[in-house]
Protein backbone atom coordinates (compact mmCIF):
# COMPACT_ATOMS: atom_id res chain seq x y z
CA UNK A 1 96.11 78.12 22.01
CA UNK A 2 99.94 77.67 22.27
CA UNK A 3 99.86 79.53 25.43
CA UNK A 4 98.30 76.51 27.24
CA UNK A 5 100.62 73.95 25.77
CA UNK A 6 103.77 73.21 27.70
CA UNK A 7 106.30 72.28 24.89
CA UNK A 8 108.80 70.79 27.31
CA UNK A 9 109.31 67.19 26.11
CA UNK A 10 110.02 65.87 29.57
CA UNK A 11 106.67 67.27 30.76
CA UNK A 12 103.32 65.66 30.06
CA UNK A 13 101.12 68.62 31.00
CA UNK A 14 100.44 69.61 27.24
CA UNK A 15 96.87 69.37 25.91
CA UNK A 16 95.89 67.61 29.28
CA UNK A 17 95.66 70.91 30.81
CA UNK A 18 92.86 72.16 28.58
CA UNK A 19 90.71 69.12 29.38
CA UNK A 20 91.34 68.84 33.08
CA UNK A 21 90.63 72.19 35.02
CA UNK A 22 92.09 70.82 38.27
CA UNK A 23 95.43 70.06 36.75
CA UNK A 24 95.25 73.55 35.16
CA UNK A 25 94.60 75.16 38.50
CA UNK A 26 97.42 73.13 40.06
CA UNK A 27 99.79 74.11 37.25
CA UNK A 28 98.92 77.76 37.67
CA UNK A 29 99.31 77.60 41.50
CA UNK A 30 102.79 75.83 41.12
CA UNK A 31 103.92 78.51 38.39
CA UNK A 32 102.29 81.53 39.90
CA UNK A 33 101.03 82.31 36.51
CA UNK A 34 97.86 84.44 36.59
CA UNK A 35 98.11 85.31 32.78
CA UNK A 36 97.21 81.77 31.99
CA UNK A 37 94.03 81.92 34.10
CA UNK A 38 93.00 85.34 32.43
CA UNK A 39 93.68 83.90 28.92
CA UNK A 40 91.76 80.83 29.61
CA UNK A 41 88.74 82.71 31.11
CA UNK A 42 88.81 85.00 27.91
CA UNK A 43 88.92 82.15 25.61
CA UNK A 44 85.96 80.32 27.40
CA UNK A 45 83.94 83.58 27.45
CA UNK A 46 84.67 83.81 23.58
CA UNK A 47 83.72 80.33 22.93
CA UNK A 48 80.47 80.81 24.85
CA UNK A 49 79.59 84.03 22.86
CA UNK A 50 80.27 82.14 19.53
CA UNK A 51 77.92 79.28 20.73
CA UNK A 52 75.28 81.68 21.72
CA UNK A 53 75.32 83.52 18.39
CA UNK A 54 75.26 80.38 16.41
CA UNK A 55 72.43 78.89 18.55
CA UNK A 56 70.30 82.26 18.13
CA UNK A 57 70.84 82.11 14.42
CA UNK A 58 69.97 78.28 14.26
CA UNK A 59 67.14 77.17 11.99
CA UNK A 60 66.33 73.46 12.17
CA UNK A 61 64.65 73.49 8.66
CA UNK A 62 67.71 75.01 6.87
CA UNK A 63 70.58 72.85 5.55
CA UNK A 64 73.44 72.84 7.89
CA UNK A 65 76.41 75.02 6.62
CA UNK A 66 79.20 73.22 8.53
CA UNK A 67 79.93 70.78 11.29
CA UNK A 68 79.06 73.43 13.94
CA UNK A 69 75.53 73.77 12.58
CA UNK A 70 75.25 70.06 12.04
CA UNK A 71 76.14 69.32 15.82
CA UNK A 72 73.51 71.90 16.92
CA UNK A 73 70.94 70.20 14.67
CA UNK A 74 71.70 66.78 16.07
CA UNK A 75 71.37 68.25 19.60
CA UNK A 76 68.05 69.82 18.53
CA UNK A 77 66.80 66.54 17.19
CA UNK A 78 67.90 64.77 20.41
CA UNK A 79 66.05 67.42 22.35
CA UNK A 80 62.71 67.16 20.58
CA UNK A 81 62.76 63.33 20.27
CA UNK A 82 63.93 62.49 23.69
CA UNK A 83 60.74 61.22 25.19
CA UNK A 84 58.82 60.28 22.07
CA UNK A 85 57.82 56.93 20.90
CA UNK A 86 59.39 55.40 17.71
CA UNK A 87 56.30 56.21 15.78
CA UNK A 88 56.32 59.77 16.96
CA UNK A 89 59.99 60.17 16.23
CA UNK A 90 59.43 58.98 12.42
CA UNK A 91 56.55 61.67 12.26
CA UNK A 92 59.12 64.38 13.41
CA UNK A 93 61.76 63.09 11.04
CA UNK A 94 59.23 63.10 8.22
CA UNK A 95 58.19 66.66 8.94
CA UNK A 96 61.82 67.83 8.92
CA UNK A 97 62.45 65.84 5.71
CA UNK A 98 64.92 63.49 7.40
CA UNK A 99 64.95 59.65 7.36
CA UNK A 100 65.46 57.58 10.52
């Protein structure tokens, strides 16, 4: 992660580069640094692989092990209750053993 952070105190390009891909591309073009691009793409691919593996192992009826599983479970609940009425949402939460 430190590869992406510019530690120069007169420069404000630190973590902002991670959140703003346009600035990252501009920063790479100005510095002619292809290594940052390769590292960024590698880290992004690794992150996506982790997400895919966690989602494949996800079981909404099991207790979440950590915040990662909890976030996936919240996204799952949002997905299945997106277009339901309040009464139907309560039914789904009861089936899953949750309270609304």
